[in-house]
């Protein structure tokens, strides 16, 4: 059994911070339709290439007091927020994954593979969260590869366990339920209530969560969407006909269902019985 100590957890958090810094680059270059694998990082305002001292996650932002070293214009708080959020989510996934690790070596190896997969999915969801929040658009360049990789991962998992129903069948059912639900809303409203990007995102979320956790994820998404939507209307920030990106709520619900889906479903089913 692997014990998760403070030093190891801190290392995982640092990895998350570094990945979060890279995700900020991905978000910026997706919007500008630039490649994010090659090329030096630059200031989005003056486009001056950044030194390594400018690229230390969170620390550089605090040291420079939220301004560019070269043009002295303000840097968006999005950058440290994404870095810290990624670090925390990576740490949560790590602790969650290794809390269920088995003492046998083969299961330890599989948990490491599963951990890397979940870190990848978390990174994709963070990019989509921020991108949709800023631009009201879900980038296909990130979403489609994630759907393909998740499908292949679930397929290989089914082969390994030798059970197609508990494996790929379960996740395909969840993807069908989620995407079918959003597709019906999209068609009924003719795209006024729900964008088609949410339909495509629902496929990924179904493949990630499986059944019945996808139900918990959808419920939490609409719950938080309703609460925040009503709050924005109450404070005059939005009206009844205002557009509100829904992907951030779907992703929030997905993360919560990923960690607490089983407990939520257990509580709900027992609540119905009693």
Protein backbone atom coordinates (compact mmCIF):
# COMPACT_ATOMS: atom_id res chain seq x y z
CA UNK A 1 0.00 0.00 0.00
CA UNK A 2 1.37 3.41 -0.98
CA UNK A 3 1.28 6.05 1.76
CA UNK A 4 0.69 9.60 0.63
CA UNK A 5 2.89 11.90 2.74
CA UNK A 6 3.04 15.68 2.87
CA UNK A 7 6.19 15.95 0.74
CA UNK A 8 4.73 13.77 -2.00
CA UNK A 9 1.47 15.72 -1.94
CA UNK A 10 3.38 19.00 -2.23
CA UNK A 11 5.27 17.62 -5.23
CA UNK A 12 1.98 16.68 -6.89
CA UNK A 13 0.67 20.20 -6.22
CA UNK A 14 3.78 21.69 -7.84
CA UNK A 15 3.26 19.47 -10.89
CA UNK A 16 -0.30 20.78 -11.07
CA UNK A 17 0.92 24.37 -10.87
CA UNK A 18 3.31 23.80 -13.79
CA UNK A 19 0.61 22.09 -15.86
CA UNK A 20 -1.73 24.97 -15.02
CA UNK A 21 0.84 27.41 -16.39
CA UNK A 22 0.91 25.41 -19.63
CA UNK A 23 -2.91 25.36 -19.75
CA UNK A 24 -2.90 29.17 -19.68
CA UNK A 25 -0.70 29.07 -22.79
CA UNK A 26 -3.14 26.65 -24.44
CA UNK A 27 -6.12 28.92 -23.67
CA UNK A 28 -4.33 32.01 -24.98
CA UNK A 29 -3.14 30.38 -28.21
CA UNK A 30 -6.43 28.63 -28.92
CA UNK A 31 -8.10 32.04 -28.97
CA UNK A 32 -5.43 33.38 -31.32
CA UNK A 33 -5.45 30.16 -33.40
CA UNK A 34 -1.75 29.54 -32.72
CA UNK A 35 0.07 26.29 -32.02
CA UNK A 36 0.78 25.72 -28.34
CA UNK A 37 3.41 22.96 -28.57
CA UNK A 38 6.20 25.06 -30.05
CA UNK A 39 7.19 28.68 -29.56
CA UNK A 40 8.34 30.74 -26.60
CA UNK A 41 5.82 32.19 -24.17
CA UNK A 42 5.12 35.90 -24.58
CA UNK A 43 3.19 38.71 -22.94
CA UNK A 44 -0.34 38.80 -24.43
CA UNK A 45 -0.25 42.63 -24.33
CA UNK A 46 3.15 43.63 -25.76
CA UNK A 47 4.08 40.16 -27.15
CA UNK A 48 7.58 40.40 -25.64
CA UNK A 49 9.14 36.97 -25.11
CA UNK A 50 9.24 36.03 -21.45
CA UNK A 51 12.28 34.89 -19.49
CA UNK A 52 12.18 31.85 -17.24
CA UNK A 53 11.93 34.21 -14.25
CA UNK A 54 8.59 35.42 -15.63
CA UNK A 55 7.21 31.90 -15.94
CA UNK A 56 7.37 30.58 -12.36
CA UNK A 57 3.77 29.62 -11.54
CA UNK A 58 2.08 32.04 -9.09
CA UNK A 59 5.44 33.29 -7.76
CA UNK A 60 6.21 35.38 -10.88
CA UNK A 61 2.72 36.90 -10.80
CA UNK A 62 3.10 37.90 -7.14
CA UNK A 63 6.69 39.12 -7.56
CA UNK A 64 5.75 41.30 -10.55
CA UNK A 65 2.60 42.49 -8.71
CA UNK A 66 0.37 41.29 -11.52
CA UNK A 67 2.06 43.35 -14.22
CA UNK A 68 4.25 42.62 -17.23
CA UNK A 69 7.98 43.18 -16.61
CA UNK A 70 8.34 44.86 -20.02
CA UNK A 71 5.18 46.88 -20.82
CA UNK A 72 3.98 47.16 -17.18
CA UNK A 73 0.41 46.46 -18.16
CA UNK A 74 -1.78 44.39 -15.86
CA UNK A 75 -1.76 40.60 -16.22
CA UNK A 76 -5.13 38.88 -15.87
CA UNK A 77 -5.81 37.14 -12.53
CA UNK A 78 -6.82 34.16 -14.71
CA UNK A 79 -3.18 33.05 -14.84
CA UNK A 80 -2.55 32.39 -11.12
CA UNK A 81 -6.16 31.23 -10.66
CA UNK A 82 -5.80 28.52 -13.31
CA UNK A 83 -2.43 27.46 -11.91
CA UNK A 84 -3.70 27.13 -8.34
CA UNK A 85 -6.95 25.44 -9.43
CA UNK A 86 -5.01 22.92 -11.51
CA UNK A 87 -2.65 22.21 -8.61
CA UNK A 88 -5.54 21.62 -6.20
CA UNK A 89 -7.49 19.44 -8.63
CA UNK A 90 -4.39 17.36 -9.43
CA UNK A 91 -3.85 16.90 -5.70
CA UNK A 92 -7.49 15.90 -5.13
CA UNK A 93 -7.34 13.37 -7.96
CA UNK A 94 -4.05 11.99 -6.65
CA UNK A 95 -5.37 11.56 -3.10
CA UNK A 96 -8.63 10.09 -4.36
CA UNK A 97 -6.90 7.65 -6.70
CA UNK A 98 -4.38 6.38 -4.18
CA UNK A 99 -6.95 6.08 -1.42
CA UNK A 100 -8.38 3.12 -3.36
CA UNK A 101 -5.08 1.63 -4.53
CA UNK A 102 -4.65 -2.13 -4.07
CA UNK A 103 -1.60 -3.69 -2.47
CA UNK A 104 -0.90 -5.89 -5.51
CA UNK A 105 1.70 -4.51 -7.92
CA UNK A 106 -0.46 -4.93 -11.04
CA UNK A 107 -3.19 -2.78 -9.51
CA UNK A 108 -0.66 -0.19 -8.42
CA UNK A 109 0.51 0.09 -12.03
CA UNK A 110 -3.07 0.41 -13.31
CA UNK A 111 -3.80 3.11 -10.75
CA UNK A 112 -0.83 5.09 -12.03
CA UNK A 113 -2.16 4.80 -15.58
CA UNK A 114 -5.61 5.81 -14.38
CA UNK A 115 -4.10 8.74 -12.49
CA UNK A 116 -2.34 10.06 -15.61
CA UNK A 117 -5.55 9.66 -17.59
CA UNK A 118 -7.57 11.59 -14.99
CA UNK A 119 -4.95 14.34 -14.89
CA UNK A 120 -5.24 14.65 -18.66
CA UNK A 121 -9.04 14.82 -18.47
CA UNK A 122 -8.86 17.40 -15.68
CA UNK A 123 -6.53 19.53 -17.83
CA UNK A 124 -8.93 19.35 -20.77
CA UNK A 125 -11.90 20.28 -18.60
CA UNK A 126 -10.06 23.24 -17.07
CA UNK A 127 -9.22 24.58 -20.55
CA UNK A 128 -12.84 24.20 -21.67
CA UNK A 129 -14.10 25.77 -18.41
CA UNK A 130 -12.04 28.93 -18.84
CA UNK A 131 -12.42 29.15 -22.62
CA UNK A 132 -16.22 28.88 -22.53
CA UNK A 133 -16.40 31.32 -19.63
CA UNK A 134 -14.38 33.89 -21.59
CA UNK A 135 -15.49 33.34 -25.18
CA UNK A 136 -18.82 31.42 -24.91
CA UNK A 137 -17.35 28.68 -27.06
CA UNK A 138 -16.14 25.10 -26.49
CA UNK A 139 -12.97 24.50 -28.57
CA UNK A 140 -13.23 21.39 -30.76
CA UNK A 141 -9.43 21.25 -31.03
CA UNK A 142 -9.35 20.22 -27.36
CA UNK A 143 -12.70 18.42 -27.08
CA UNK A 144 -12.49 15.97 -30.01
CA UNK A 145 -9.05 14.51 -29.11
CA UNK A 146 -10.25 14.12 -25.50
CA UNK A 147 -13.34 12.18 -26.65
CA UNK A 148 -11.20 9.89 -28.82
CA UNK A 149 -8.59 9.29 -26.10
CA UNK A 150 -11.25 8.62 -23.46
CA UNK A 151 -13.08 6.19 -25.73
CA UNK A 152 -9.85 4.27 -26.44
CA UNK A 153 -8.98 4.26 -22.73
CA UNK A 154 -12.38 2.82 -21.80
CA UNK A 155 -12.15 0.29 -24.62
CA UNK A 156 -8.75 -0.96 -23.44
CA UNK A 157 -10.06 -1.10 -19.88
CA UNK A 158 -12.93 -3.32 -21.07
CA UNK A 159 -10.48 -5.65 -22.77
CA UNK A 160 -8.37 -5.85 -19.63
CA UNK A 161 -11.23 -6.67 -17.23
CA UNK A 162 -12.94 -8.88 -19.80
CA UNK A 163 -16.35 -7.32 -19.17
CA UNK A 164 -17.85 -5.18 -21.93
CA UNK A 165 -20.95 -4.27 -19.94
CA UNK A 166 -19.13 -2.88 -16.89
CA UNK A 167 -16.47 -1.46 -19.18
CA UNK A 168 -17.19 0.40 -22.41
CA UNK A 169 -20.91 -0.42 -22.32
CA UNK A 170 -21.44 1.45 -19.06
CA UNK A 171 -19.66 4.57 -20.31
CA UNK A 172 -21.32 4.52 -23.73
CA UNK A 173 -24.69 4.37 -21.98
CA UNK A 174 -23.76 7.41 -19.89
CA UNK A 175 -22.56 9.29 -22.98
CA UNK A 176 -25.79 8.43 -24.82
CA UNK A 177 -27.96 9.59 -21.92
CA UNK A 178 -26.09 12.86 -21.42
CA UNK A 179 -25.70 13.81 -25.08
CA UNK A 180 -29.24 12.69 -25.92
CA UNK A 181 -30.64 14.84 -23.13
CA UNK A 182 -28.80 17.95 -24.29
CA UNK A 183 -29.52 17.22 -27.94
CA UNK A 184 -33.25 17.15 -27.20
CA UNK A 185 -32.98 20.54 -25.46
CA UNK A 186 -30.97 21.90 -28.38
CA UNK A 187 -33.49 20.70 -30.96
CA UNK A 188 -36.59 21.77 -29.01
CA UNK A 189 -35.22 25.26 -28.39
CA UNK A 190 -33.57 25.49 -31.83
CA UNK A 191 -30.30 26.35 -30.14
CA UNK A 192 -31.68 29.15 -27.95
CA UNK A 193 -31.41 27.34 -24.60
CA UNK A 194 -28.38 25.15 -25.23
CA UNK A 195 -25.51 25.29 -27.70
CA UNK A 196 -24.44 22.28 -29.73
CA UNK A 197 -21.04 22.46 -28.07
CA UNK A 198 -22.70 21.34 -24.83
CA UNK A 199 -24.07 18.29 -26.66
CA UNK A 200 -20.54 17.32 -27.75
CA UNK A 201 -19.14 18.03 -24.30
CA UNK A 202 -21.79 15.73 -22.78
CA UNK A 203 -20.35 12.83 -24.80
CA UNK A 204 -16.97 13.34 -23.13
CA UNK A 205 -18.48 13.72 -19.66
CA UNK A 206 -20.48 10.51 -20.08
CA UNK A 207 -17.35 8.62 -21.11
CA UNK A 208 -15.52 10.04 -18.10
CA UNK A 209 -18.14 9.48 -15.39
CA UNK A 210 -20.05 6.43 -16.56
CA UNK A 211 -23.46 5.40 -15.29
CA UNK A 212 -24.98 6.29 -12.83
CA UNK A 213 -22.46 9.00 -11.84
CA UNK A 214 -23.38 10.97 -14.96
CA UNK A 215 -26.82 11.51 -13.41
CA UNK A 216 -25.24 13.06 -10.33
CA UNK A 217 -23.05 15.21 -12.56
CA UNK A 218 -26.01 16.50 -14.57
CA UNK A 219 -28.07 17.18 -11.45
CA UNK A 220 -25.24 19.16 -9.83
CA UNK A 221 -24.64 21.09 -13.06
CA UNK A 222 -28.21 22.29 -13.30
CA UNK A 223 -28.38 22.93 -9.56
CA UNK A 224 -25.35 25.23 -9.53
CA UNK A 225 -26.36 26.75 -12.87
CA UNK A 226 -29.77 27.69 -11.44
CA UNK A 227 -28.30 29.09 -8.21
CA UNK A 228 -25.67 31.23 -9.94
CA UNK A 229 -28.06 32.27 -12.71
CA UNK A 230 -30.63 33.48 -10.19
CA UNK A 231 -27.89 35.23 -8.23
CA UNK A 232 -26.71 37.10 -11.34
CA UNK A 233 -30.26 38.17 -12.13
CA UNK A 234 -30.83 39.29 -8.54
CA UNK A 235 -27.77 41.54 -8.67
CA UNK A 236 -28.69 42.83 -12.13
CA UNK A 237 -25.74 41.23 -13.91
CA UNK A 238 -27.92 39.11 -16.20
CA UNK A 239 -31.50 39.15 -17.49
CA UNK A 240 -33.94 36.39 -18.38
CA UNK A 241 -32.76 36.46 -22.01
CA UNK A 242 -29.06 36.86 -21.25
CA UNK A 243 -26.66 34.24 -22.56
CA UNK A 244 -24.87 32.22 -19.90
CA UNK A 245 -22.14 29.67 -20.73
CA UNK A 246 -23.18 26.28 -19.38
CA UNK A 247 -19.96 24.30 -19.85
CA UNK A 248 -18.43 25.67 -16.61
CA UNK A 249 -21.41 24.30 -14.66
CA UNK A 250 -21.18 20.96 -16.45
CA UNK A 251 -17.50 20.73 -15.60
CA UNK A 252 -18.08 21.75 -11.97
CA UNK A 253 -20.76 19.06 -11.69
CA UNK A 254 -18.42 16.54 -13.31
CA UNK A 255 -15.60 17.17 -10.85
CA UNK A 256 -17.98 16.88 -7.90
CA UNK A 257 -19.51 13.68 -9.31
CA UNK A 258 -16.02 12.30 -9.93
CA UNK A 259 -15.15 12.61 -6.23
CA UNK A 260 -18.54 12.32 -4.52
CA UNK A 261 -20.86 10.74 -7.12
CA UNK A 262 -21.21 7.41 -5.32
CA UNK A 263 -22.03 9.09 -1.99
CA UNK A 264 -24.57 11.44 -3.61
CA UNK A 265 -26.36 8.60 -5.39
CA UNK A 266 -26.30 6.46 -2.22
CA UNK A 267 -27.78 9.32 -0.18
CA UNK A 268 -30.44 10.08 -2.81
CA UNK A 269 -31.60 6.48 -3.23
CA UNK A 270 -31.84 6.00 0.55
CA UNK A 271 -33.68 9.32 0.85
CA UNK A 272 -36.28 8.05 -1.65
CA UNK A 273 -36.69 4.76 0.25
CA UNK A 274 -37.27 6.49 3.58
